[in-house]
Amino acid sequence: SYRDEAEQLTVWCGENYLLLNTLKTKEITIDFRKNKTDTVPLIIRGDCVERVADFSFLGIHIEEDLTWSVNTSVLLKKVQQRLHFQRVLRKNNITQRLLLSFYR
């Protein structure tokens, strides 16, 4: 199971003078079974790993039900912020070349 893999990773890190930062480690459970069971929290070196419904990995928001709603919302918010900034600049008669440089 993945708990055994996490334990093996912890042992390997210890043998190679590395530490897992349990404060930054997140656990997400992807389970599509109809009868979901409660799982035991993941414990690494005596610290309980935080269980989350979604998290960001390399700029992509992954959810436990594998939908894209959170990722889409975050991207939409970023786009709206950039477009608002572009509109403000355009209203102030900024040249197209400068608009492009601010967009990038």
PDB file of N, CA and C in Angstrom:
ATOM      1  N   SER A   1       0.831  -1.190   0.000  1.00  0.00           N
ATOM      2  CA  SER A   1       0.000   0.000   0.000  1.00  0.00           C
ATOM      3  C   SER A   1       0.878   1.257   0.000  1.00  0.00           C
ATOM      4  N   TYR A   2       0.252   2.387  -0.213  1.00  0.00           N
ATOM      5  CA  TYR A   2       1.036   3.621  -0.289  1.00  0.00           C
ATOM      6  C   TYR A   2       1.596   4.000   1.075  1.00  0.00           C
ATOM      7  N   ARG A   3       0.992   3.529   2.142  1.00  0.00           N
ATOM      8  CA  ARG A   3       1.538   3.799   3.475  1.00  0.00           C
ATOM      9  C   ARG A   3       2.891   3.108   3.646  1.00  0.00           C
ATOM     10  N   ASP A   4       3.001   1.896   3.108  1.00  0.00           N
ATOM     11  CA  ASP A   4       4.291   1.197   3.130  1.00  0.00           C
ATOM     12  C   ASP A   4       5.313   1.953   2.288  1.00  0.00           C
ATOM     13  N   GLU A   5       4.877   2.464   1.137  1.00  0.00           N
ATOM     14  CA  GLU A   5       5.771   3.252   0.285  1.00  0.00           C
ATOM     15  C   GLU A   5       6.229   4.521   0.994  1.00  0.00           C
ATOM     16  N   ALA A   6       5.319   5.165   1.710  1.00  0.00           N
ATOM     17  CA  ALA A   6       5.679   6.377   2.457  1.00  0.00           C
ATOM     18  C   ALA A   6       6.683   6.028   3.555  1.00  0.00           C
ATOM     19  N   GLU A   7       6.501   4.889   4.196  1.00  0.00           N
ATOM     20  CA  GLU A   7       7.443   4.456   5.232  1.00  0.00           C
ATOM     21  C   GLU A   7       8.808   4.155   4.628  1.00  0.00           C
ATOM     22  N   GLN A   8       8.833   3.491   3.476  1.00  0.00           N
ATOM     23  CA  GLN A   8      10.098   3.199   2.805  1.00  0.00           C
ATOM     24  C   GLN A   8      10.797   4.491   2.375  1.00  0.00           C
ATOM     25  N   LEU A   9      10.029   5.469   1.910  1.00  0.00           N
ATOM     26  CA  LEU A   9      10.596   6.757   1.535  1.00  0.00           C
ATOM     27  C   LEU A   9      11.198   7.453   2.748  1.00  0.00           C
ATOM     28  N   THR A  10      10.513   7.387   3.876  1.00  0.00           N
ATOM     29  CA  THR A  10      11.012   7.993   5.107  1.00  0.00           C
ATOM     30  C   THR A  10      12.325   7.341   5.536  1.00  0.00           C
ATOM     31  N   VAL A  11      12.383   6.015   5.451  1.00  0.00           N
ATOM     32  CA  VAL A  11      13.606   5.291   5.811  1.00  0.00           C
ATOM     33  C   VAL A  11      14.732   5.676   4.856  1.00  0.00           C
ATOM     34  N   TRP A  12      14.434   5.713   3.548  1.00  0.00           N
ATOM     35  CA  TRP A  12      15.450   6.069   2.563  1.00  0.00           C
ATOM     36  C   TRP A  12      15.985   7.474   2.809  1.00  0.00           C
ATOM     37  N   CYS A  13      15.075   8.408   3.102  1.00  0.00           N
ATOM     38  CA  CYS A  13      15.499   9.782   3.380  1.00  0.00           C
ATOM     39  C   CYS A  13      16.402   9.826   4.606  1.00  0.00           C
ATOM     40  N   GLY A  14      16.057   9.077   5.632  1.00  0.00           N
ATOM     41  CA  GLY A  14      16.888   9.043   6.832  1.00  0.00           C
ATOM     42  C   GLY A  14      18.269   8.481   6.553  1.00  0.00           C
ATOM     43  N   GLU A  15      18.329   7.440   5.723  1.00  0.00           N
ATOM     44  CA  GLU A  15      19.616   6.829   5.379  1.00  0.00           C
ATOM     45  C   GLU A  15      20.482   7.754   4.533  1.00  0.00           C
ATOM     46  N   ASN A  16      19.852   8.663   3.815  1.00  0.00           N
ATOM     47  CA  ASN A  16      20.579   9.585   2.939  1.00  0.00           C
ATOM     48  C   ASN A  16      20.629  11.005   3.504  1.00  0.00           C
ATOM     49  N   TYR A  17      20.443  11.115   4.805  1.00  0.00           N
ATOM     50  CA  TYR A  17      20.557  12.380   5.522  1.00  0.00           C
ATOM     51  C   TYR A  17      19.596  13.447   4.998  1.00  0.00           C
ATOM     52  N   LEU A  18      18.381  13.024   4.680  1.00  0.00           N
ATOM     53  CA  LEU A  18      17.327  13.935   4.238  1.00  0.00           C
ATOM     54  C   LEU A  18      16.154  13.828   5.205  1.00  0.00           C
ATOM     55  N   LEU A  19      15.352  14.861   5.284  1.00  0.00           N
ATOM     56  CA  LEU A  19      14.155  14.850   6.116  1.00  0.00           C
ATOM     57  C   LEU A  19      12.954  15.249   5.275  1.00  0.00           C
ATOM     58  N   LEU A  20      11.846  14.559   5.476  1.00  0.00           N
ATOM     59  CA  LEU A  20      10.586  14.964   4.848  1.00  0.00           C
ATOM     60  C   LEU A  20       9.968  16.053   5.704  1.00  0.00           C
ATOM     61  N   ASN A  21       9.586  17.159   5.095  1.00  0.00           N
ATOM     62  CA  ASN A  21       8.947  18.253   5.815  1.00  0.00           C
ATOM     63  C   ASN A  21       7.453  17.954   5.893  1.00  0.00           C
ATOM     64  N   THR A  22       7.020  17.445   7.025  1.00  0.00           N
ATOM     65  CA  THR A  22       5.612  17.052   7.169  1.00  0.00           C
ATOM     66  C   THR A  22       4.683  18.253   7.230  1.00  0.00           C
ATOM     67  N   LEU A  23       5.231  19.450   7.504  1.00  0.00           N
ATOM     68  CA  LEU A  23       4.383  20.639   7.501  1.00  0.00           C
ATOM     69  C   LEU A  23       3.999  21.038   6.080  1.00  0.00           C
ATOM     70  N   LYS A  24       4.822  20.662   5.093  1.00  0.00           N
ATOM     71  CA  LYS A  24       4.532  20.986   3.696  1.00  0.00           C
ATOM     72  C   LYS A  24       3.940  19.802   2.935  1.00  0.00           C
ATOM     73  N   THR A  25       3.898  18.641   3.575  1.00  0.00           N
ATOM     74  CA  THR A  25       3.390  17.434   2.927  1.00  0.00           C
ATOM     75  C   THR A  25       1.874  17.388   3.049  1.00  0.00           C
ATOM     76  N   LYS A  26       1.207  17.049   1.965  1.00  0.00           N
ATOM     77  CA  LYS A  26      -0.258  16.953   1.941  1.00  0.00           C
ATOM     78  C   LYS A  26      -0.666  15.546   1.486  1.00  0.00           C
ATOM     79  N   GLU A  27      -1.800  15.106   1.958  1.00  0.00           N
ATOM     80  CA  GLU A  27      -2.356  13.820   1.544  1.00  0.00           C
ATOM     81  C   GLU A  27      -3.708  14.074   0.900  1.00  0.00           C
ATOM     82  N   ILE A  28      -3.903  13.504  -0.277  1.00  0.00           N
ATOM     83  CA  ILE A  28      -5.189  13.593  -0.961  1.00  0.00           C
ATOM     84  C   ILE A  28      -5.615  12.174  -1.301  1.00  0.00           C
ATOM     85  N   THR A  29      -6.866  11.857  -1.021  1.00  0.00           N
ATOM     86  CA  THR A  29      -7.383  10.516  -1.281  1.00  0.00           C
ATOM     87  C   THR A  29      -8.330  10.582  -2.468  1.00  0.00           C
ATOM     88  N   ILE A  30      -8.020   9.814  -3.486  1.00  0.00           N
ATOM     89  CA  ILE A  30      -8.880   9.723  -4.662  1.00  0.00           C
ATOM     90  C   ILE A  30      -9.558   8.358  -4.603  1.00  0.00           C
ATOM     91  N   ASP A  31     -10.854   8.371  -4.330  1.00  0.00           N
ATOM     92  CA  ASP A  31     -11.595   7.129  -4.100  1.00  0.00           C
ATOM     93  C   ASP A  31     -12.970   7.256  -4.741  1.00  0.00           C
ATOM     94  N   PHE A  32     -13.223   6.444  -5.749  1.00  0.00           N
ATOM     95  CA  PHE A  32     -14.497   6.499  -6.449  1.00  0.00           C
ATOM     96  C   PHE A  32     -15.447   5.371  -6.042  1.00  0.00           C
ATOM     97  N   ARG A  33     -15.119   4.644  -4.995  1.00  0.00           N
ATOM     98  CA  ARG A  33     -16.005   3.564  -4.544  1.00  0.00           C
ATOM     99  C   ARG A  33     -17.302   4.148  -3.978  1.00  0.00           C
ATOM    100  N   LYS A  34     -18.372   3.382  -4.117  1.00  0.00           N
ATOM    101  CA  LYS A  34     -19.658   3.845  -3.584  1.00  0.00           C
ATOM    102  C   LYS A  34     -19.638   3.849  -2.065  1.00  0.00           C
ATOM    103  N   ASN A  35     -19.074   2.823  -1.477  1.00  0.00           N
ATOM    104  CA  ASN A  35     -19.005   2.712  -0.018  1.00  0.00           C
ATOM    105  C   ASN A  35     -17.607   3.131   0.442  1.00  0.00           C
ATOM    106  N   LYS A  36     -17.445   4.408   0.653  1.00  0.00           N
ATOM    107  CA  LYS A  36     -16.147   4.924   1.084  1.00  0.00           C
ATOM    108  C   LYS A  36     -15.959   4.649   2.573  1.00  0.00           C
ATOM    109  N   THR A  37     -14.756   4.274   2.909  1.00  0.00           N
ATOM    110  CA  THR A  37     -14.443   4.023   4.306  1.00  0.00           C
ATOM    111  C   THR A  37     -13.486   5.094   4.799  1.00  0.00           C
ATOM    112  N   ASP A  38     -13.547   5.355   6.085  1.00  0.00           N
ATOM    113  CA  ASP A  38     -12.603   6.299   6.682  1.00  0.00           C
ATOM    114  C   ASP A  38     -11.231   5.645   6.718  1.00  0.00           C
ATOM    115  N   THR A  39     -10.231   6.390   6.307  1.00  0.00           N
ATOM    116  CA  THR A  39      -8.876   5.865   6.325  1.00  0.00           C
ATOM    117  C   THR A  39      -8.103   6.467   7.478  1.00  0.00           C
ATOM    118  N   VAL A  40      -7.138   5.732   7.923  1.00  0.00           N
ATOM    119  CA  VAL A  40      -6.295   6.181   9.022  1.00  0.00           C
ATOM    120  C   VAL A  40      -5.374   7.280   8.501  1.00  0.00           C
ATOM    121  N   PRO A  41      -5.184   8.338   9.262  1.00  0.00           N
ATOM    122  CA  PRO A  41      -4.293   9.411   8.806  1.00  0.00           C
ATOM    123  C   PRO A  41      -2.869   8.894   8.598  1.00  0.00           C
ATOM    124  N   LEU A  42      -2.171   9.483   7.645  1.00  0.00           N
ATOM    125  CA  LEU A  42      -0.784   9.122   7.359  1.00  0.00           C
ATOM    126  C   LEU A  42       0.116   9.782   8.400  1.00  0.00           C
ATOM    127  N   ILE A  43       0.951   8.969   9.045  1.00  0.00           N
ATOM    128  CA  ILE A  43       1.861   9.449  10.076  1.00  0.00           C
ATOM    129  C   ILE A  43       3.292   9.279   9.567  1.00  0.00           C
ATOM    130  N   ILE A  44       4.060  10.374   9.571  1.00  0.00           N
ATOM    131  CA  ILE A  44       5.469  10.325   9.186  1.00  0.00           C
ATOM    132  C   ILE A  44       6.283  10.864  10.351  1.00  0.00           C
ATOM    133  N   ARG A  45       7.175  10.031  10.894  1.00  0.00           N
ATOM    134  CA  ARG A  45       8.026  10.397  12.039  1.00  0.00           C
ATOM    135  C   ARG A  45       7.205  10.975  13.187  1.00  0.00           C
ATOM    136  N   GLY A  46       6.033  10.426  13.425  1.00  0.00           N
ATOM    137  CA  GLY A  46       5.199  10.867  14.533  1.00  0.00           C
ATOM    138  C   GLY A  46       4.325  12.070  14.235  1.00  0.00           C
ATOM    139  N   ASP A  47       4.474  12.662  13.050  1.00  0.00           N
ATOM    140  CA  ASP A  47       3.647  13.809  12.669  1.00  0.00           C
ATOM    141  C   ASP A  47       2.536  13.360  11.740  1.00  0.00           C
ATOM    142  N   CYS A  48       1.341  13.864  11.983  1.00  0.00           N
ATOM    143  CA  CYS A  48       0.199  13.546  11.136  1.00  0.00           C
ATOM    144  C   CYS A  48       0.237  14.436   9.895  1.00  0.00           C
ATOM    145  N   VAL A  49       0.125  13.833   8.726  1.00  0.00           N
ATOM    146  CA  VAL A  49       0.147  14.570   7.466  1.00  0.00           C
ATOM    147  C   VAL A  49      -1.240  15.148   7.213  1.00  0.00           C
ATOM    148  N   GLU A  50      -1.287  16.410   6.822  1.00  0.00           N
ATOM    149  CA  GLU A  50      -2.558  17.088   6.580  1.00  0.00           C
ATOM    150  C   GLU A  50      -3.282  16.469   5.385  1.00  0.00           C
ATOM    151  N   ARG A  51      -4.558  16.157   5.566  1.00  0.00           N
ATOM    152  CA  ARG A  51      -5.388  15.620   4.490  1.00  0.00           C
ATOM    153  C   ARG A  51      -6.176  16.773   3.877  1.00  0.00           C
ATOM    154  N   VAL A  52      -6.110  16.898   2.544  1.00  0.00           N
ATOM    155  CA  VAL A  52      -6.762  18.008   1.858  1.00  0.00           C
ATOM    156  C   VAL A  52      -7.681  17.482   0.758  1.00  0.00           C
ATOM    157  N   ALA A  53      -8.644  18.312   0.341  1.00  0.00           N
ATOM    158  CA  ALA A  53      -9.550  17.951  -0.754  1.00  0.00           C
ATOM    159  C   ALA A  53      -8.967  18.352  -2.101  1.00  0.00           C
ATOM    160  N   ASP A  54      -8.086  19.363  -2.107  1.00  0.00           N
ATOM    161  CA  ASP A  54      -7.407  19.767  -3.338  1.00  0.00           C
ATOM    162  C   ASP A  54      -6.090  20.431  -2.970  1.00  0.00           C
ATOM    163  N   PHE A  55      -5.159  20.432  -3.919  1.00  0.00           N
ATOM    164  CA  PHE A  55      -3.884  21.103  -3.707  1.00  0.00           C
ATOM    165  C   PHE A  55      -3.301  21.522  -5.045  1.00  0.00           C
ATOM    166  N   SER A  56      -2.341  22.406  -4.982  1.00  0.00           N
ATOM    167  CA  SER A  56      -1.697  22.911  -6.188  1.00  0.00           C
ATOM    168  C   SER A  56      -0.348  22.235  -6.358  1.00  0.00           C
ATOM    169  N   PHE A  57      -0.112  21.668  -7.537  1.00  0.00           N
ATOM    170  CA  PHE A  57       1.147  21.010  -7.851  1.00  0.00           C
ATOM    171  C   PHE A  57       1.624  21.528  -9.199  1.00  0.00           C
ATOM    172  N   LEU A  58       2.746  22.231  -9.187  1.00  0.00           N
ATOM    173  CA  LEU A  58       3.308  22.831 -10.396  1.00  0.00           C
ATOM    174  C   LEU A  58       2.295  23.722 -11.129  1.00  0.00           C
ATOM    175  N   GLY A  59       1.507  24.455 -10.353  1.00  0.00           N
ATOM    176  CA  GLY A  59       0.558  25.397 -10.934  1.00  0.00           C
ATOM    177  C   GLY A  59      -0.778  24.794 -11.345  1.00  0.00           C
ATOM    178  N   ILE A  60      -0.942  23.491 -11.187  1.00  0.00           N
ATOM    179  CA  ILE A  60      -2.199  22.816 -11.521  1.00  0.00           C
ATOM    180  C   ILE A  60      -2.893  22.448 -10.224  1.00  0.00           C
ATOM    181  N   HIS A  61      -4.160  22.788 -10.106  1.00  0.00           N
ATOM    182  CA  HIS A  61      -4.930  22.449  -8.912  1.00  0.00           C
ATOM    183  C   HIS A  61      -5.596  21.091  -9.123  1.00  0.00           C
ATOM    184  N   ILE A  62      -5.240  20.140  -8.279  1.00  0.00           N
ATOM    185  CA  ILE A  62      -5.755  18.776  -8.367  1.00  0.00           C
ATOM    186  C   ILE A  62      -6.765  18.586  -7.251  1.00  0.00           C
ATOM    187  N   GLU A  63      -7.935  18.042  -7.607  1.00  0.00           N
ATOM    188  CA  GLU A  63      -8.991  17.813  -6.626  1.00  0.00           C
ATOM    189  C   GLU A  63      -9.184  16.325  -6.405  1.00  0.00           C
ATOM    190  N   GLU A  64      -9.746  15.976  -5.240  1.00  0.00           N
ATOM    191  CA  GLU A  64      -9.908  14.570  -4.912  1.00  0.00           C
ATOM    192  C   GLU A  64     -10.924  13.864  -5.804  1.00  0.00           C
ATOM    193  N   ASP A  65     -11.851  14.605  -6.421  1.00  0.00           N
ATOM    194  CA  ASP A  65     -12.804  13.981  -7.346  1.00  0.00           C
ATOM    195  C   ASP A  65     -12.354  14.113  -8.803  1.00  0.00           C
ATOM    196  N   LEU A  66     -11.141  14.641  -8.997  1.00  0.00           N
ATOM    197  CA  LEU A  66     -10.508  14.794 -10.312  1.00  0.00           C
ATOM    198  C   LEU A  66     -11.303  15.663 -11.283  1.00  0.00           C
ATOM    199  N   THR A  67     -12.047  16.624 -10.758  1.00  0.00           N
ATOM    200  CA  THR A  67     -12.695  17.612 -11.616  1.00  0.00           C
ATOM    201  C   THR A  67     -11.761  18.806 -11.747  1.00  0.00           C
ATOM    202  N   TRP A  68     -12.093  19.685 -12.648  1.00  0.00           N
ATOM    203  CA  TRP A  68     -11.224  20.829 -12.927  1.00  0.00           C
ATOM    204  C   TRP A  68     -11.814  22.139 -12.427  1.00  0.00           C
ATOM    205  N   SER A  69     -12.814  22.105 -11.574  1.00  0.00           N
ATOM    206  CA  SER A  69     -13.502  23.337 -11.177  1.00  0.00           C
ATOM    207  C   SER A  69     -12.587  24.306 -10.424  1.00  0.00           C
ATOM    208  N   VAL A  70     -11.801  23.845  -9.480  1.00  0.00           N
ATOM    209  CA  VAL A  70     -10.915  24.745  -8.736  1.00  0.00           C
ATOM    210  C   VAL A  70      -9.842  25.285  -9.673  1.00  0.00           C
ATOM    211  N   ASN A  71      -9.242  24.425 -10.497  1.00  0.00           N
ATOM    212  CA  ASN A  71      -8.212  24.859 -11.431  1.00  0.00           C
ATOM    213  C   ASN A  71      -8.765  25.906 -12.396  1.00  0.00           C
ATOM    214  N   THR A  72      -9.961  25.668 -12.913  1.00  0.00           N
ATOM    215  CA  THR A  72     -10.583  26.605 -13.838  1.00  0.00           C
ATOM    216  C   THR A  72     -10.875  27.934 -13.155  1.00  0.00           C
ATOM    217  N   SER A  73     -11.363  27.891 -11.926  1.00  0.00           N
ATOM    218  CA  SER A  73     -11.658  29.129 -11.191  1.00  0.00           C
ATOM    219  C   SER A  73     -10.402  29.955 -10.956  1.00  0.00           C
ATOM    220  N   VAL A  74      -9.311  29.296 -10.593  1.00  0.00           N
ATOM    221  CA  VAL A  74      -8.052  30.000 -10.349  1.00  0.00           C
ATOM    222  C   VAL A  74      -7.545  30.633 -11.640  1.00  0.00           C
ATOM    223  N   LEU A  75      -7.595  29.879 -12.739  1.00  0.00           N
ATOM    224  CA  LEU A  75      -7.147  30.425 -14.024  1.00  0.00           C
ATOM    225  C   LEU A  75      -8.015  31.593 -14.469  1.00  0.00           C
ATOM    226  N   LEU A  76      -9.324  31.464 -14.297  1.00  0.00           N
ATOM    227  CA  LEU A  76     -10.243  32.532 -14.671  1.00  0.00           C
ATOM    228  C   LEU A  76      -9.958  33.804 -13.871  1.00  0.00           C
ATOM    229  N   LYS A  77      -9.666  33.640 -12.589  1.00  0.00           N
ATOM    230  CA  LYS A  77      -9.353  34.797 -11.752  1.00  0.00           C
ATOM    231  C   LYS A  77      -8.084  35.495 -12.248  1.00  0.00           C
ATOM    232  N   LYS A  78      -7.059  34.711 -12.607  1.00  0.00           N
ATOM    233  CA  LYS A  78      -5.825  35.305 -13.122  1.00  0.00           C
ATOM    234  C   LYS A  78      -6.069  36.049 -14.431  1.00  0.00           C
ATOM    235  N   VAL A  79      -6.869  35.461 -15.310  1.00  0.00           N
ATOM    236  CA  VAL A  79      -7.174  36.090 -16.590  1.00  0.00           C
ATOM    237  C   VAL A  79      -7.933  37.392 -16.377  1.00  0.00           C
ATOM    238  N   GLN A  80      -8.922  37.383 -15.491  1.00  0.00           N
ATOM    239  CA  GLN A  80      -9.700  38.585 -15.223  1.00  0.00           C
ATOM    240  C   GLN A  80      -8.821  39.699 -14.652  1.00  0.00           C
ATOM    241  N   GLN A  81      -7.865  39.345 -13.797  1.00  0.00           N
ATOM    242  CA  GLN A  81      -6.971  40.355 -13.240  1.00  0.00           C
ATOM    243  C   GLN A  81      -6.112  40.980 -14.337  1.00  0.00           C
ATOM    244  N   ARG A  82      -5.581  40.137 -15.226  1.00  0.00           N
ATOM    245  CA  ARG A  82      -4.753  40.663 -16.312  1.00  0.00           C
ATOM    246  C   ARG A  82      -5.561  41.524 -17.272  1.00  0.00           C
ATOM    247  N   LEU A  83      -6.762  41.080 -17.591  1.00  0.00           N
ATOM    248  CA  LEU A  83      -7.593  41.858 -18.513  1.00  0.00           C
ATOM    249  C   LEU A  83      -7.995  43.191 -17.905  1.00  0.00           C
ATOM    250  N   HIS A  84      -8.293  43.209 -16.626  1.00  0.00           N
ATOM    251  CA  HIS A  84      -8.644  44.468 -15.967  1.00  0.00           C
ATOM    252  C   HIS A  84      -7.459  45.430 -16.047  1.00  0.00           C
ATOM    253  N   PHE A  85      -6.273  44.932 -15.767  1.00  0.00           N
ATOM    254  CA  PHE A  85      -5.064  45.752 -15.836  1.00  0.00           C
ATOM    255  C   PHE A  85      -4.861  46.282 -17.254  1.00  0.00           C
ATOM    256  N   GLN A  86      -5.094  45.440 -18.254  1.00  0.00           N
ATOM    257  CA  GLN A  86      -4.964  45.862 -19.656  1.00  0.00           C
ATOM    258  C   GLN A  86      -5.974  46.960 -19.998  1.00  0.00           C
ATOM    259  N   ARG A  87      -7.209  46.807 -19.516  1.00  0.00           N
ATOM    260  CA  ARG A  87      -8.233  47.815 -19.798  1.00  0.00           C
ATOM    261  C   ARG A  87      -7.864  49.167 -19.192  1.00  0.00           C
ATOM    262  N   VAL A  88      -7.356  49.146 -17.961  1.00  0.00           N
ATOM    263  CA  VAL A  88      -6.958  50.385 -17.302  1.00  0.00           C
ATOM    264  C   VAL A  88      -5.846  51.060 -18.088  1.00  0.00           C
ATOM    265  N   LEU A  89      -4.873  50.284 -18.527  1.00  0.00           N
ATOM    266  CA  LEU A  89      -3.778  50.853 -19.314  1.00  0.00           C
ATOM    267  C   LEU A  89      -4.280  51.404 -20.648  1.00  0.00           C
ATOM    268  N   ARG A  90      -5.169  50.673 -21.304  1.00  0.00           N
ATOM    269  CA  ARG A  90      -5.677  51.119 -22.608  1.00  0.00           C
ATOM    270  C   ARG A  90      -6.483  52.404 -22.467  1.00  0.00           C
ATOM    271  N   LYS A  91      -7.251  52.536 -21.381  1.00  0.00           N
ATOM    272  CA  LYS A  91      -8.026  53.760 -21.161  1.00  0.00           C
ATOM    273  C   LYS A  91      -7.121  54.970 -20.979  1.00  0.00           C
ATOM    274  N   ASN A  92      -5.895  54.724 -20.534  1.00  0.00           N
ATOM    275  CA  ASN A  92      -4.943  55.813 -20.330  1.00  0.00           C
ATOM    276  C   ASN A  92      -4.048  56.028 -21.543  1.00  0.00           C
ATOM    277  N   ASN A  93      -4.494  55.533 -22.700  1.00  0.00           N
ATOM    278  CA  ASN A  93      -3.822  55.747 -23.983  1.00  0.00           C
ATOM    279  C   ASN A  93      -2.361  55.279 -24.017  1.00  0.00           C
ATOM    280  N   ILE A  94      -2.126  54.102 -23.470  1.00  0.00           N
ATOM    281  CA  ILE A  94      -0.795  53.493 -23.522  1.00  0.00           C
ATOM    282  C   ILE A  94      -0.635  52.842 -24.905  1.00  0.00           C
ATOM    283  N   THR A  95       0.540  52.915 -25.477  1.00  0.00           N
ATOM    284  CA  THR A  95       0.768  52.352 -26.813  1.00  0.00           C
ATOM    285  C   THR A  95       0.638  50.829 -26.784  1.00  0.00           C
ATOM    286  N   GLN A  96       0.345  50.285 -27.956  1.00  0.00           N
ATOM    287  CA  GLN A  96       0.152  48.843 -28.083  1.00  0.00           C
ATOM    288  C   GLN A  96       1.419  48.079 -27.687  1.00  0.00           C
ATOM    289  N   ARG A  97       2.558  48.630 -28.012  1.00  0.00           N
ATOM    290  CA  ARG A  97       3.828  47.974 -27.679  1.00  0.00           C
ATOM    291  C   ARG A  97       3.993  47.845 -26.162  1.00  0.00           C
ATOM    292  N   LEU A  98       3.657  48.899 -25.434  1.00  0.00           N
ATOM    293  CA  LEU A  98       3.734  48.849 -23.978  1.00  0.00           C
ATOM    294  C   LEU A  98       2.671  47.894 -23.400  1.00  0.00           C
ATOM    295  N   LEU A  99       1.490  47.878 -24.005  1.00  0.00           N
ATOM    296  CA  LEU A  99       0.457  46.958 -23.562  1.00  0.00           C
ATOM    297  C   LEU A  99       0.940  45.518 -23.662  1.00  0.00           C
ATOM    298  N   LEU A 100       1.590  45.201 -24.765  1.00  0.00           N
ATOM    299  CA  LEU A 100       2.118  43.846 -24.954  1.00  0.00           C
ATOM    300  C   LEU A 100       3.194  43.519 -23.923  1.00  0.00           C
ATOM    301  N   SER A 101       4.046  44.467 -23.624  1.00  0.00           N
ATOM    302  CA  SER A 101       5.105  44.204 -22.637  1.00  0.00           C
ATOM    303  C   SER A 101       4.525  43.995 -21.239  1.00  0.00           C
ATOM    304  N   PHE A 102       3.468  44.721 -20.894  1.00  0.00           N
ATOM    305  CA  PHE A 102       2.827  44.511 -19.584  1.00  0.00           C
ATOM    306  C   PHE A 102       2.082  43.180 -19.542  1.00  0.00           C
ATOM    307  N   TYR A 103       1.560  42.741 -20.669  1.00  0.00           N
ATOM    308  CA  TYR A 103       0.834  41.484 -20.716  1.00  0.00           C
ATOM    309  C   TYR A 103       1.759  40.299 -20.477  1.00  0.00           C
ATOM    310  N   ARG A 104       2.950  40.386 -21.038  1.00  0.00           N
ATOM    311  CA  ARG A 104       3.904  39.267 -20.912  1.00  0.00           C
ATOM    312  C   ARG A 104       4.447  39.231 -19.533  1.00  0.00           C
TER     313      ARG A 104
END
